[in-house]
Amino acid sequence: MNPQERFGQLEEIMSEMLVKQDEHSAQITQVARSVGQVLEVALDAKDAAIESKGIAVEARDMAVDARDVALRVEKKADITANAVAKLTVDMQRGFDQVNGRIDQINGRFDDLMSFLKAKLG
């Protein structure tokens, strides 16, 4: 396999890693939007409780539901944050491997250039 083909393989790996990073970023954005929606529901429930005792009971139930949703969202946010952290580490490892491979290729090019200079010079 020639160096250009090897470099093409490295480009594919880097492209796949960036696509995965974009997907995780989109998921984090969606989680953040969900948290904002949950907070809006909780605030609406608080206002309804102040307006009347009958609505206060319903608002309390809504707040409990909102809390449960917020806890689930928080758990998903933690899972997503951990996944992003792991992806970041994995990407760094991948980049380190790519850089190592590039260094190897550069070393081979240097050896080839030295050989050619010796033969042609």
PDB file of N, CA and C in Angstrom:
ATOM      1  N   MET A   1       0.864  -1.174   0.000  1.00  0.00           N
ATOM      2  CA  MET A   1       0.000   0.000   0.000  1.00  0.00           C
ATOM      3  C   MET A   1       0.907   1.233   0.000  1.00  0.00           C
ATOM      4  N   ASN A   2       0.626   2.171  -0.887  1.00  0.00           N
ATOM      5  CA  ASN A   2       1.488   3.342  -0.962  1.00  0.00           C
ATOM      6  C   ASN A   2       1.064   4.392   0.083  1.00  0.00           C
ATOM      7  N   PRO A   3       1.930   5.359   0.320  1.00  0.00           N
ATOM      8  CA  PRO A   3       1.640   6.361   1.357  1.00  0.00           C
ATOM      9  C   PRO A   3       0.344   7.128   1.100  1.00  0.00           C
ATOM     10  N   GLN A   4       0.033   7.386  -0.147  1.00  0.00           N
ATOM     11  CA  GLN A   4      -1.206   8.139  -0.438  1.00  0.00           C
ATOM     12  C   GLN A   4      -2.443   7.352  -0.008  1.00  0.00           C
ATOM     13  N   GLU A   5      -2.419   6.040  -0.259  1.00  0.00           N
ATOM     14  CA  GLU A   5      -3.549   5.200   0.164  1.00  0.00           C
ATOM     15  C   GLU A   5      -3.645   5.160   1.686  1.00  0.00           C
ATOM     16  N   ARG A   6      -2.493   5.088   2.361  1.00  0.00           N
ATOM     17  CA  ARG A   6      -2.493   5.097   3.830  1.00  0.00           C
ATOM     18  C   ARG A   6      -3.049   6.415   4.352  1.00  0.00           C
ATOM     19  N   PHE A   7      -2.627   7.500   3.728  1.00  0.00           N
ATOM     20  CA  PHE A   7      -3.140   8.798   4.148  1.00  0.00           C
ATOM     21  C   PHE A   7      -4.649   8.880   3.922  1.00  0.00           C
ATOM     22  N   GLY A   8      -5.131   8.308   2.839  1.00  0.00           N
ATOM     23  CA  GLY A   8      -6.573   8.268   2.577  1.00  0.00           C
ATOM     24  C   GLY A   8      -7.322   7.538   3.674  1.00  0.00           C
ATOM     25  N   GLN A   9      -6.726   6.455   4.167  1.00  0.00           N
ATOM     26  CA  GLN A   9      -7.354   5.713   5.267  1.00  0.00           C
ATOM     27  C   GLN A   9      -7.404   6.576   6.528  1.00  0.00           C
ATOM     28  N   LEU A  10      -6.350   7.322   6.780  1.00  0.00           N
ATOM     29  CA  LEU A  10      -6.329   8.197   7.959  1.00  0.00           C
ATOM     30  C   LEU A  10      -7.395   9.285   7.847  1.00  0.00           C
ATOM     31  N   GLU A  11      -7.573   9.809   6.655  1.00  0.00           N
ATOM     32  CA  GLU A  11      -8.611  10.827   6.456  1.00  0.00           C
ATOM     33  C   GLU A  11      -9.993  10.254   6.751  1.00  0.00           C
ATOM     34  N   GLU A  12     -10.227   9.030   6.338  1.00  0.00           N
ATOM     35  CA  GLU A  12     -11.530   8.393   6.603  1.00  0.00           C
ATOM     36  C   GLU A  12     -11.753   8.233   8.102  1.00  0.00           C
ATOM     37  N   ILE A  13     -10.734   7.811   8.818  1.00  0.00           N
ATOM     38  CA  ILE A  13     -10.853   7.614  10.273  1.00  0.00           C
ATOM     39  C   ILE A  13     -11.147   8.950  10.951  1.00  0.00           C
ATOM     40  N   MET A  14     -10.415   9.974  10.561  1.00  0.00           N
ATOM     41  CA  MET A  14     -10.630  11.297  11.158  1.00  0.00           C
ATOM     42  C   MET A  14     -12.031  11.810  10.831  1.00  0.00           C
ATOM     43  N   SER A  15     -12.489  11.580   9.627  1.00  0.00           N
ATOM     44  CA  SER A  15     -13.824  12.019   9.226  1.00  0.00           C
ATOM     45  C   SER A  15     -14.899  11.333  10.063  1.00  0.00           C
ATOM     46  N   GLU A  16     -14.737  10.034  10.276  1.00  0.00           N
ATOM     47  CA  GLU A  16     -15.709   9.296  11.097  1.00  0.00           C
ATOM     48  C   GLU A  16     -15.726   9.812  12.528  1.00  0.00           C
ATOM     49  N   MET A  17     -14.552  10.118  13.071  1.00  0.00           N
ATOM     50  CA  MET A  17     -14.496  10.635  14.440  1.00  0.00           C
ATOM     51  C   MET A  17     -15.192  11.989  14.538  1.00  0.00           C
ATOM     52  N   LEU A  18     -15.005  12.842  13.543  1.00  0.00           N
ATOM     53  CA  LEU A  18     -15.645  14.156  13.570  1.00  0.00           C
ATOM     54  C   LEU A  18     -17.160  14.043  13.428  1.00  0.00           C
ATOM     55  N   VAL A  19     -17.631  13.108  12.627  1.00  0.00           N
ATOM     56  CA  VAL A  19     -19.073  12.889  12.491  1.00  0.00           C
ATOM     57  C   VAL A  19     -19.661  12.458  13.832  1.00  0.00           C
ATOM     58  N   LYS A  20     -18.972  11.561  14.520  1.00  0.00           N
ATOM     59  CA  LYS A  20     -19.461  11.108  15.828  1.00  0.00           C
ATOM     60  C   LYS A  20     -19.470  12.258  16.826  1.00  0.00           C
ATOM     61  N   GLN A  21     -18.458  13.089  16.780  1.00  0.00           N
ATOM     62  CA  GLN A  21     -18.417  14.242  17.679  1.00  0.00           C
ATOM     63  C   GLN A  21     -19.593  15.176  17.380  1.00  0.00           C
ATOM     64  N   ASP A  22     -19.901  15.408  16.114  1.00  0.00           N
ATOM     65  CA  ASP A  22     -21.043  16.252  15.748  1.00  0.00           C
ATOM     66  C   ASP A  22     -22.352  15.659  16.247  1.00  0.00           C
ATOM     67  N   GLU A  23     -22.483  14.336  16.151  1.00  0.00           N
ATOM     68  CA  GLU A  23     -23.704  13.684  16.631  1.00  0.00           C
ATOM     69  C   GLU A  23     -23.861  13.880  18.139  1.00  0.00           C
ATOM     70  N   HIS A  24     -22.773  13.721  18.875  1.00  0.00           N
ATOM     71  CA  HIS A  24     -22.845  13.892  20.324  1.00  0.00           C
ATOM     72  C   HIS A  24     -23.144  15.353  20.685  1.00  0.00           C
ATOM     73  N   SER A  25     -22.596  16.286  19.944  1.00  0.00           N
ATOM     74  CA  SER A  25     -22.879  17.702  20.197  1.00  0.00           C
ATOM     75  C   SER A  25     -24.363  17.993  19.980  1.00  0.00           C
ATOM     76  N   ALA A  26     -24.947  17.415  18.946  1.00  0.00           N
ATOM     77  CA  ALA A  26     -26.378  17.607  18.681  1.00  0.00           C
ATOM     78  C   ALA A  26     -27.213  17.003  19.806  1.00  0.00           C
ATOM     79  N   GLN A  27     -26.798  15.859  20.316  1.00  0.00           N
ATOM     80  CA  GLN A  27     -27.530  15.227  21.418  1.00  0.00           C
ATOM     81  C   GLN A  27     -27.454  16.074  22.679  1.00  0.00           C
ATOM     82  N   ILE A  28     -26.306  16.651  22.953  1.00  0.00           N
ATOM     83  CA  ILE A  28     -26.156  17.512  24.134  1.00  0.00           C
ATOM     84  C   ILE A  28     -27.044  18.744  23.990  1.00  0.00           C
ATOM     85  N   THR A  29     -27.114  19.305  22.803  1.00  0.00           N
ATOM     86  CA  THR A  29     -27.971  20.464  22.563  1.00  0.00           C
ATOM     87  C   THR A  29     -29.432  20.106  22.815  1.00  0.00           C
ATOM     88  N   GLN A  30     -29.853  18.941  22.353  1.00  0.00           N
ATOM     89  CA  GLN A  30     -31.236  18.504  22.568  1.00  0.00           C
ATOM     90  C   GLN A  30     -31.518  18.318  24.054  1.00  0.00           C
ATOM     91  N   VAL A  31     -30.572  17.761  24.792  1.00  0.00           N
ATOM     92  CA  VAL A  31     -30.746  17.577  26.237  1.00  0.00           C
ATOM     93  C   VAL A  31     -30.885  18.939  26.915  1.00  0.00           C
ATOM     94  N   ALA A  32     -30.083  19.897  26.507  1.00  0.00           N
ATOM     95  CA  ALA A  32     -30.159  21.241  27.098  1.00  0.00           C
ATOM     96  C   ALA A  32     -31.531  21.872  26.821  1.00  0.00           C
ATOM     97  N   ARG A  33     -32.044  21.684  25.629  1.00  0.00           N
ATOM     98  CA  ARG A  33     -33.378  22.212  25.317  1.00  0.00           C
ATOM     99  C   ARG A  33     -34.445  21.546  26.186  1.00  0.00           C
ATOM    100  N   SER A  34     -34.317  20.252  26.375  1.00  0.00           N
ATOM    101  CA  SER A  34     -35.273  19.519  27.204  1.00  0.00           C
ATOM    102  C   SER A  34     -35.245  20.023  28.635  1.00  0.00           C
ATOM    103  N   VAL A  35     -34.059  20.285  29.160  1.00  0.00           N
ATOM    104  CA  VAL A  35     -33.947  20.811  30.521  1.00  0.00           C
ATOM    105  C   VAL A  35     -34.653  22.170  30.615  1.00  0.00           C
ATOM    106  N   GLY A  36     -34.475  23.011  29.625  1.00  0.00           N
ATOM    107  CA  GLY A  36     -35.147  24.305  29.605  1.00  0.00           C
ATOM    108  C   GLY A  36     -36.661  24.152  29.587  1.00  0.00           C
ATOM    109  N   GLN A  37     -37.158  23.203  28.832  1.00  0.00           N
ATOM    110  CA  GLN A  37     -38.601  22.962  28.774  1.00  0.00           C
ATOM    111  C   GLN A  37     -39.118  22.462  30.116  1.00  0.00           C
ATOM    112  N   VAL A  38     -38.362  21.608  30.763  1.00  0.00           N
ATOM    113  CA  VAL A  38     -38.767  21.098  32.075  1.00  0.00           C
ATOM    114  C   VAL A  38     -38.836  22.242  33.079  1.00  0.00           C
ATOM    115  N   LEU A  39     -37.882  23.139  33.037  1.00  0.00           N
ATOM    116  CA  LEU A  39     -37.881  24.274  33.956  1.00  0.00           C
ATOM    117  C   LEU A  39     -39.089  25.183  33.697  1.00  0.00           C
ATOM    118  N   GLU A  40     -39.437  25.374  32.448  1.00  0.00           N
ATOM    119  CA  GLU A  40     -40.618  26.175  32.131  1.00  0.00           C
ATOM    120  C   GLU A  40     -41.882  25.540  32.693  1.00  0.00           C
ATOM    121  N   VAL A  41     -41.990  24.229  32.592  1.00  0.00           N
ATOM    122  CA  VAL A  41     -43.156  23.519  33.134  1.00  0.00           C
ATOM    123  C   VAL A  41     -43.216  23.700  34.647  1.00  0.00           C
ATOM    124  N   ALA A  42     -42.082  23.602  35.307  1.00  0.00           N
ATOM    125  CA  ALA A  42     -42.051  23.746  36.762  1.00  0.00           C
ATOM    126  C   ALA A  42     -42.476  25.154  37.181  1.00  0.00           C
ATOM    127  N   LEU A  43     -42.034  26.168  36.458  1.00  0.00           N
ATOM    128  CA  LEU A  43     -42.424  27.554  36.775  1.00  0.00           C
ATOM    129  C   LEU A  43     -43.915  27.774  36.546  1.00  0.00           C
ATOM    130  N   ASP A  44     -44.449  27.201  35.488  1.00  0.00           N
ATOM    131  CA  ASP A  44     -45.890  27.299  35.231  1.00  0.00           C
ATOM    132  C   ASP A  44     -46.678  26.646  36.361  1.00  0.00           C
ATOM    133  N   ALA A  45     -46.192  25.521  36.852  1.00  0.00           N
ATOM    134  CA  ALA A  45     -46.863  24.826  37.952  1.00  0.00           C
ATOM    135  C   ALA A  45     -46.865  25.687  39.208  1.00  0.00           C
ATOM    136  N   LYS A  46     -45.775  26.374  39.475  1.00  0.00           N
ATOM    137  CA  LYS A  46     -45.688  27.248  40.653  1.00  0.00           C
ATOM    138  C   LYS A  46     -46.718  28.375  40.561  1.00  0.00           C
ATOM    139  N   ASP A  47     -46.828  29.016  39.418  1.00  0.00           N
ATOM    140  CA  ASP A  47     -47.801  30.109  39.250  1.00  0.00           C
ATOM    141  C   ASP A  47     -49.241  29.619  39.427  1.00  0.00           C
ATOM    142  N   ALA A  48     -49.532  28.438  38.923  1.00  0.00           N
ATOM    143  CA  ALA A  48     -50.881  27.888  39.050  1.00  0.00           C
ATOM    144  C   ALA A  48     -51.227  27.616  40.511  1.00  0.00           C
ATOM    145  N   ALA A  49     -50.241  27.182  41.308  1.00  0.00           N
ATOM    146  CA  ALA A  49     -50.475  26.896  42.724  1.00  0.00           C
ATOM    147  C   ALA A  49     -50.845  28.160  43.478  1.00  0.00           C
ATOM    148  N   ILE A  50     -50.271  29.262  43.120  1.00  0.00           N
ATOM    149  CA  ILE A  50     -50.558  30.534  43.791  1.00  0.00           C
ATOM    150  C   ILE A  50     -51.983  30.993  43.472  1.00  0.00           C
ATOM    151  N   GLU A  51     -52.485  30.733  42.313  1.00  0.00           N
ATOM    152  CA  GLU A  51     -53.805  31.207  41.894  1.00  0.00           C
ATOM    153  C   GLU A  51     -54.954  30.567  42.682  1.00  0.00           C
ATOM    154  N   SER A  52     -54.886  29.302  42.990  1.00  0.00           N
ATOM    155  CA  SER A  52     -55.989  28.704  43.755  1.00  0.00           C
ATOM    156  C   SER A  52     -55.572  27.398  44.399  1.00  0.00           C
ATOM    157  N   LYS A  53     -56.324  27.004  45.449  1.00  0.00           N
ATOM    158  CA  LYS A  53     -55.989  25.768  46.159  1.00  0.00           C
ATOM    159  C   LYS A  53     -56.227  24.548  45.273  1.00  0.00           C
ATOM    160  N   GLY A  54     -57.298  24.550  44.499  1.00  0.00           N
ATOM    161  CA  GLY A  54     -57.593  23.408  43.624  1.00  0.00           C
ATOM    162  C   GLY A  54     -56.506  23.218  42.581  1.00  0.00           C
ATOM    163  N   ILE A  55     -56.063  24.311  42.006  1.00  0.00           N
ATOM    164  CA  ILE A  55     -54.998  24.235  41.003  1.00  0.00           C
ATOM    165  C   ILE A  55     -53.683  23.870  41.684  1.00  0.00           C
ATOM    166  N   ALA A  56     -53.542  24.252  42.980  1.00  0.00           N
ATOM    167  CA  ALA A  56     -52.311  23.944  43.710  1.00  0.00           C
ATOM    168  C   ALA A  56     -52.073  22.442  43.775  1.00  0.00           C
ATOM    169  N   VAL A  57     -53.143  21.666  43.960  1.00  0.00           N
ATOM    170  CA  VAL A  57     -52.983  20.209  44.013  1.00  0.00           C
ATOM    171  C   VAL A  57     -52.500  19.701  42.658  1.00  0.00           C
ATOM    172  N   GLU A  58     -53.118  20.188  41.598  1.00  0.00           N
ATOM    173  CA  GLU A  58     -52.698  19.772  40.255  1.00  0.00           C
ATOM    174  C   GLU A  58     -51.267  20.234  39.961  1.00  0.00           C
ATOM    175  N   ALA A  59     -50.954  21.446  40.400  1.00  0.00           N
ATOM    176  CA  ALA A  59     -49.610  21.970  40.162  1.00  0.00           C
ATOM    177  C   ALA A  59     -48.571  21.142  40.905  1.00  0.00           C
ATOM    178  N   ARG A  60     -48.919  20.718  42.121  1.00  0.00           N
ATOM    179  CA  ARG A  60     -47.994  19.874  42.884  1.00  0.00           C
ATOM    180  C   ARG A  60     -47.715  18.580  42.117  1.00  0.00           C
ATOM    181  N   ASP A  61     -48.775  17.979  41.585  1.00  0.00           N
ATOM    182  CA  ASP A  61     -48.587  16.750  40.808  1.00  0.00           C
ATOM    183  C   ASP A  61     -47.721  17.009  39.571  1.00  0.00           C
ATOM    184  N   MET A  62     -47.961  18.138  38.924  1.00  0.00           N
ATOM    185  CA  MET A  62     -47.153  18.487  37.750  1.00  0.00           C
ATOM    186  C   MET A  62     -45.687  18.699  38.139  1.00  0.00           C
ATOM    187  N   ALA A  63     -45.487  19.323  39.308  1.00  0.00           N
ATOM    188  CA  ALA A  63     -44.112  19.561  39.760  1.00  0.00           C
ATOM    189  C   ALA A  63     -43.393  18.243  40.033  1.00  0.00           C
ATOM    190  N   VAL A  64     -44.114  17.297  40.617  1.00  0.00           N
ATOM    191  CA  VAL A  64     -43.524  15.981  40.863  1.00  0.00           C
ATOM    192  C   VAL A  64     -43.148  15.343  39.529  1.00  0.00           C
ATOM    193  N   ASP A  65     -44.070  15.410  38.577  1.00  0.00           N
ATOM    194  CA  ASP A  65     -43.770  14.857  37.248  1.00  0.00           C
ATOM    195  C   ASP A  65     -42.577  15.573  36.612  1.00  0.00           C
ATOM    196  N   ALA A  66     -42.571  16.907  36.748  1.00  0.00           N
ATOM    197  CA  ALA A  66     -41.474  17.689  36.165  1.00  0.00           C
ATOM    198  C   ALA A  66     -40.150  17.322  36.834  1.00  0.00           C
ATOM    199  N   ARG A  67     -40.203  17.111  38.153  1.00  0.00           N
ATOM    200  CA  ARG A  67     -38.979  16.716  38.861  1.00  0.00           C
ATOM    201  C   ARG A  67     -38.482  15.369  38.337  1.00  0.00           C
ATOM    202  N   ASP A  68     -39.415  14.435  38.149  1.00  0.00           N
ATOM    203  CA  ASP A  68     -39.033  13.130  37.624  1.00  0.00           C
ATOM    204  C   ASP A  68     -38.412  13.256  36.229  1.00  0.00           C
ATOM    205  N   VAL A  69     -39.035  14.088  35.420  1.00  0.00           N
ATOM    206  CA  VAL A  69     -38.493  14.320  34.072  1.00  0.00           C
ATOM    207  C   VAL A  69     -37.121  14.973  34.179  1.00  0.00           C
ATOM    208  N   ALA A  70     -36.999  15.960  35.084  1.00  0.00           N
ATOM    209  CA  ALA A  70     -35.716  16.642  35.245  1.00  0.00           C
ATOM    210  C   ALA A  70     -34.642  15.663  35.705  1.00  0.00           C
ATOM    211  N   LEU A  71     -35.006  14.758  36.595  1.00  0.00           N
ATOM    212  CA  LEU A  71     -34.036  13.763  37.057  1.00  0.00           C
ATOM    213  C   LEU A  71     -33.615  12.847  35.917  1.00  0.00           C
ATOM    214  N   ARG A  72     -34.580  12.456  35.089  1.00  0.00           N
ATOM    215  CA  ARG A  72     -34.244  11.610  33.935  1.00  0.00           C
ATOM    216  C   ARG A  72     -33.361  12.382  32.949  1.00  0.00           C
ATOM    217  N   VAL A  73     -33.716  13.642  32.727  1.00  0.00           N
ATOM    218  CA  VAL A  73     -32.917  14.466  31.821  1.00  0.00           C
ATOM    219  C   VAL A  73     -31.512  14.658  32.389  1.00  0.00           C
ATOM    220  N   GLU A  74     -31.452  14.904  33.692  1.00  0.00           N
ATOM    221  CA  GLU A  74     -30.141  15.075  34.328  1.00  0.00           C
ATOM    222  C   GLU A  74     -29.311  13.798  34.187  1.00  0.00           C
ATOM    223  N   LYS A  75     -29.953  12.662  34.384  1.00  0.00           N
ATOM    224  CA  LYS A  75     -29.244  11.386  34.242  1.00  0.00           C
ATOM    225  C   LYS A  75     -28.755  11.220  32.800  1.00  0.00           C
ATOM    226  N   LYS A  76     -29.633  11.571  31.839  1.00  0.00           N
ATOM    227  CA  LYS A  76     -29.228  11.463  30.435  1.00  0.00           C
ATOM    228  C   LYS A  76     -28.109  12.454  30.124  1.00  0.00           C
ATOM    229  N   ALA A  77     -28.176  13.641  30.730  1.00  0.00           N
ATOM    230  CA  ALA A  77     -27.115  14.631  30.515  1.00  0.00           C
ATOM    231  C   ALA A  77     -25.791  14.110  31.062  1.00  0.00           C
ATOM    232  N   ASP A  78     -25.845  13.470  32.236  1.00  0.00           N
ATOM    233  CA  ASP A  78     -24.625  12.891  32.806  1.00  0.00           C
ATOM    234  C   ASP A  78     -24.074  11.796  31.897  1.00  0.00           C
ATOM    235  N   ILE A  79     -24.971  10.951  31.409  1.00  0.00           N
ATOM    236  CA  ILE A  79     -24.542   9.868  30.515  1.00  0.00           C
ATOM    237  C   ILE A  79     -23.920  10.462  29.252  1.00  0.00           C
ATOM    238  N   THR A  80     -24.572  11.492  28.716  1.00  0.00           N
ATOM    239  CA  THR A  80     -24.061  12.131  27.503  1.00  0.00           C
ATOM    240  C   THR A  80     -22.718  12.807  27.771  1.00  0.00           C
ATOM    241  N   ALA A  81     -22.613  13.489  28.922  1.00  0.00           N
ATOM    242  CA  ALA A  81     -21.347  14.140  29.268  1.00  0.00           C
ATOM    243  C   ALA A  81     -20.235  13.113  29.394  1.00  0.00           C
ATOM    244  N   ASN A  82     -20.536  11.986  30.025  1.00  0.00           N
ATOM    245  CA  ASN A  82     -19.532  10.926  30.142  1.00  0.00           C
ATOM    246  C   ASN A  82     -19.160  10.379  28.767  1.00  0.00           C
ATOM    247  N   ALA A  83     -20.168  10.233  27.912  1.00  0.00           N
ATOM    248  CA  ALA A  83     -19.897   9.728  26.561  1.00  0.00           C
ATOM    249  C   ALA A  83     -19.025  10.710  25.780  1.00  0.00           C
ATOM    250  N   VAL A  84     -19.320  12.008  25.942  1.00  0.00           N
ATOM    251  CA  VAL A  84     -18.519  13.023  25.251  1.00  0.00           C
ATOM    252  C   VAL A  84     -17.085  13.013  25.787  1.00  0.00           C
ATOM    253  N   ALA A  85     -16.950  12.858  27.111  1.00  0.00           N
ATOM    254  CA  ALA A  85     -15.610  12.795  27.695  1.00  0.00           C
ATOM    255  C   ALA A  85     -14.852  11.585  27.158  1.00  0.00           C
ATOM    256  N   LYS A  86     -15.539  10.446  27.109  1.00  0.00           N
ATOM    257  CA  LYS A  86     -14.896   9.226  26.589  1.00  0.00           C
ATOM    258  C   LYS A  86     -14.549   9.408  25.118  1.00  0.00           C
ATOM    259  N   LEU A  87     -15.468  10.015  24.377  1.00  0.00           N
ATOM    260  CA  LEU A  87     -15.208  10.247  22.956  1.00  0.00           C
ATOM    261  C   LEU A  87     -14.005  11.168  22.783  1.00  0.00           C
ATOM    262  N   THR A  88     -13.915  12.175  23.634  1.00  0.00           N
ATOM    263  CA  THR A  88     -12.793  13.097  23.553  1.00  0.00           C
ATOM    264  C   THR A  88     -11.482  12.357  23.794  1.00  0.00           C
ATOM    265  N   VAL A  89     -11.475  11.511  24.808  1.00  0.00           N
ATOM    266  CA  VAL A  89     -10.274  10.714  25.093  1.00  0.00           C
ATOM    267  C   VAL A  89      -9.980   9.781  23.927  1.00  0.00           C
ATOM    268  N   ASP A  90     -11.022   9.114  23.435  1.00  0.00           N
ATOM    269  CA  ASP A  90     -10.829   8.199  22.301  1.00  0.00           C
ATOM    270  C   ASP A  90     -10.316   8.946  21.071  1.00  0.00           C
ATOM    271  N   MET A  91     -10.880  10.141  20.843  1.00  0.00           N
ATOM    272  CA  MET A  91     -10.433  10.925  19.691  1.00  0.00           C
ATOM    273  C   MET A  91      -8.971  11.330  19.863  1.00  0.00           C
ATOM    274  N   GLN A  92      -8.606  11.719  21.091  1.00  0.00           N
ATOM    275  CA  GLN A  92      -7.212  12.106  21.333  1.00  0.00           C
ATOM    276  C   GLN A  92      -6.290  10.918  21.082  1.00  0.00           C
ATOM    277  N   ARG A  93      -6.710   9.752  21.561  1.00  0.00           N
ATOM    278  CA  ARG A  93      -5.913   8.555  21.299  1.00  0.00           C
ATOM    279  C   ARG A  93      -5.803   8.302  19.801  1.00  0.00           C
ATOM    280  N   GLY A  94      -6.930   8.465  19.116  1.00  0.00           N
ATOM    281  CA  GLY A  94      -6.924   8.270  17.671  1.00  0.00           C
ATOM    282  C   GLY A  94      -6.004   9.258  16.976  1.00  0.00           C
ATOM    283  N   PHE A  95      -6.090  10.526  17.413  1.00  0.00           N
ATOM    284  CA  PHE A  95      -5.207  11.532  16.819  1.00  0.00           C
ATOM    285  C   PHE A  95      -3.745  11.220  17.133  1.00  0.00           C
ATOM    286  N   ASP A  96      -3.493  10.730  18.354  1.00  0.00           N
ATOM    287  CA  ASP A  96      -2.126  10.346  18.698  1.00  0.00           C
ATOM    288  C   ASP A  96      -1.648   9.225  17.785  1.00  0.00           C
ATOM    289  N   GLN A  97      -2.526   8.261  17.528  1.00  0.00           N
ATOM    290  CA  GLN A  97      -2.159   7.166  16.629  1.00  0.00           C
ATOM    291  C   GLN A  97      -1.916   7.689  15.222  1.00  0.00           C
ATOM    292  N   VAL A  98      -2.803   8.591  14.775  1.00  0.00           N
ATOM    293  CA  VAL A  98      -2.648   9.172  13.439  1.00  0.00           C
ATOM    294  C   VAL A  98      -1.330   9.932  13.369  1.00  0.00           C
ATOM    295  N   ASN A  99      -1.060  10.728  14.403  1.00  0.00           N
ATOM    296  CA  ASN A  99       0.196  11.480  14.408  1.00  0.00           C
ATOM    297  C   ASN A  99       1.396  10.538  14.412  1.00  0.00           C
ATOM    298  N   GLY A 100       1.302   9.436  15.163  1.00  0.00           N
ATOM    299  CA  GLY A 100       2.375   8.451  15.161  1.00  0.00           C
ATOM    300  C   GLY A 100       2.574   7.859  13.779  1.00  0.00           C
ATOM    301  N   ARG A 101       1.478   7.554  13.130  1.00  0.00           N
ATOM    302  CA  ARG A 101       1.572   6.991  11.774  1.00  0.00           C
ATOM    303  C   ARG A 101       2.157   8.011  10.800  1.00  0.00           C
ATOM    304  N   ILE A 102       1.737   9.262  10.954  1.00  0.00           N
ATOM    305  CA  ILE A 102       2.281  10.319  10.086  1.00  0.00           C
ATOM    306  C   ILE A 102       3.781  10.455  10.332  1.00  0.00           C
ATOM    307  N   ASP A 103       4.183  10.393  11.604  1.00  0.00           N
ATOM    308  CA  ASP A 103       5.613  10.466  11.911  1.00  0.00           C
ATOM    309  C   ASP A 103       6.365   9.309  11.259  1.00  0.00           C
ATOM    310  N   GLN A 104       5.758   8.118  11.289  1.00  0.00           N
ATOM    311  CA  GLN A 104       6.391   6.972  10.639  1.00  0.00           C
ATOM    312  C   GLN A 104       6.528   7.215   9.138  1.00  0.00           C
ATOM    313  N   ILE A 105       5.458   7.734   8.558  1.00  0.00           N
ATOM    314  CA  ILE A 105       5.486   8.011   7.107  1.00  0.00           C
ATOM    315  C   ILE A 105       6.545   9.065   6.800  1.00  0.00           C
ATOM    316  N   ASN A 106       6.594  10.110   7.622  1.00  0.00           N
ATOM    317  CA  ASN A 106       7.605  11.152   7.411  1.00  0.00           C
ATOM    318  C   ASN A 106       9.012  10.570   7.533  1.00  0.00           C
ATOM    319  N   GLY A 107       9.193   9.654   8.492  1.00  0.00           N
ATOM    320  CA  GLY A 107      10.491   9.002   8.638  1.00  0.00           C
ATOM    321  C   GLY A 107      10.847   8.203   7.395  1.00  0.00           C
ATOM    322  N   ARG A 108       9.867   7.536   6.857  1.00  0.00           N
ATOM    323  CA  ARG A 108      10.109   6.754   5.635  1.00  0.00           C
ATOM    324  C   ARG A 108      10.421   7.664   4.448  1.00  0.00           C
ATOM    325  N   PHE A 109       9.709   8.811   4.386  1.00  0.00           N
ATOM    326  CA  PHE A 109      10.008   9.770   3.326  1.00  0.00           C
ATOM    327  C   PHE A 109      11.430  10.318   3.480  1.00  0.00           C
ATOM    328  N   ASP A 110      11.808  10.605   4.715  1.00  0.00           N
ATOM    329  CA  ASP A 110      13.169  11.090   4.954  1.00  0.00           C
ATOM    330  C   ASP A 110      14.196  10.049   4.526  1.00  0.00           C
ATOM    331  N   ASP A 111      13.938   8.791   4.889  1.00  0.00           N
ATOM    332  CA  ASP A 111      14.844   7.710   4.483  1.00  0.00           C
ATOM    333  C   ASP A 111      14.913   7.609   2.961  1.00  0.00           C
ATOM    334  N   LEU A 112      13.754   7.716   2.322  1.00  0.00           N
ATOM    335  CA  LEU A 112      13.711   7.640   0.864  1.00  0.00           C
ATOM    336  C   LEU A 112      14.472   8.807   0.240  1.00  0.00           C
ATOM    337  N   MET A 113      14.284  10.010   0.785  1.00  0.00           N
ATOM    338  CA  MET A 113      14.984  11.180   0.248  1.00  0.00           C
ATOM    339  C   MET A 113      16.499  11.032   0.434  1.00  0.00           C
ATOM    340  N   SER A 114      16.905  10.527   1.581  1.00  0.00           N
ATOM    341  CA  SER A 114      18.337  10.309   1.821  1.00  0.00           C
ATOM    342  C   SER A 114      18.893   9.286   0.840  1.00  0.00           C
ATOM    343  N   PHE A 115      18.119   8.226   0.634  1.00  0.00           N
ATOM    344  CA  PHE A 115      18.546   7.188  -0.304  1.00  0.00           C
ATOM    345  C   PHE A 115      18.675   7.746  -1.707  1.00  0.00           C
ATOM    346  N   LEU A 116      17.651   8.520  -2.137  1.00  0.00           N
ATOM    347  CA  LEU A 116      17.687   9.106  -3.483  1.00  0.00           C
ATOM    348  C   LEU A 116      18.830  10.098  -3.637  1.00  0.00           C
ATOM    349  N   LYS A 117      19.053  10.896  -2.611  1.00  0.00           N
ATOM    350  CA  LYS A 117      20.170  11.848  -2.684  1.00  0.00           C
ATOM    351  C   LYS A 117      21.495  11.107  -2.803  1.00  0.00           C
ATOM    352  N   ALA A 118      21.607  10.007  -2.056  1.00  0.00           N
ATOM    353  CA  ALA A 118      22.853   9.248  -2.108  1.00  0.00           C
ATOM    354  C   ALA A 118      23.043   8.618  -3.493  1.00  0.00           C
ATOM    355  N   LYS A 119      21.969   8.128  -4.057  1.00  0.00           N
ATOM    356  CA  LYS A 119      22.056   7.470  -5.368  1.00  0.00           C
ATOM    357  C   LYS A 119      22.214   8.475  -6.508  1.00  0.00           C
ATOM    358  N   LEU A 120      21.533   9.614  -6.390  1.00  0.00           N
ATOM    359  CA  LEU A 120      21.530  10.580  -7.488  1.00  0.00           C
ATOM    360  C   LEU A 120      22.621  11.659  -7.312  1.00  0.00           C
ATOM    361  N   GLY A 121      23.032  11.841  -6.078  1.00  0.00           N
ATOM    362  CA  GLY A 121      23.963  12.929  -5.782  1.00  0.00           C
ATOM    363  C   GLY A 121      25.352  12.539  -5.984  1.00  0.00           C
TER     364      GLY A 121
END
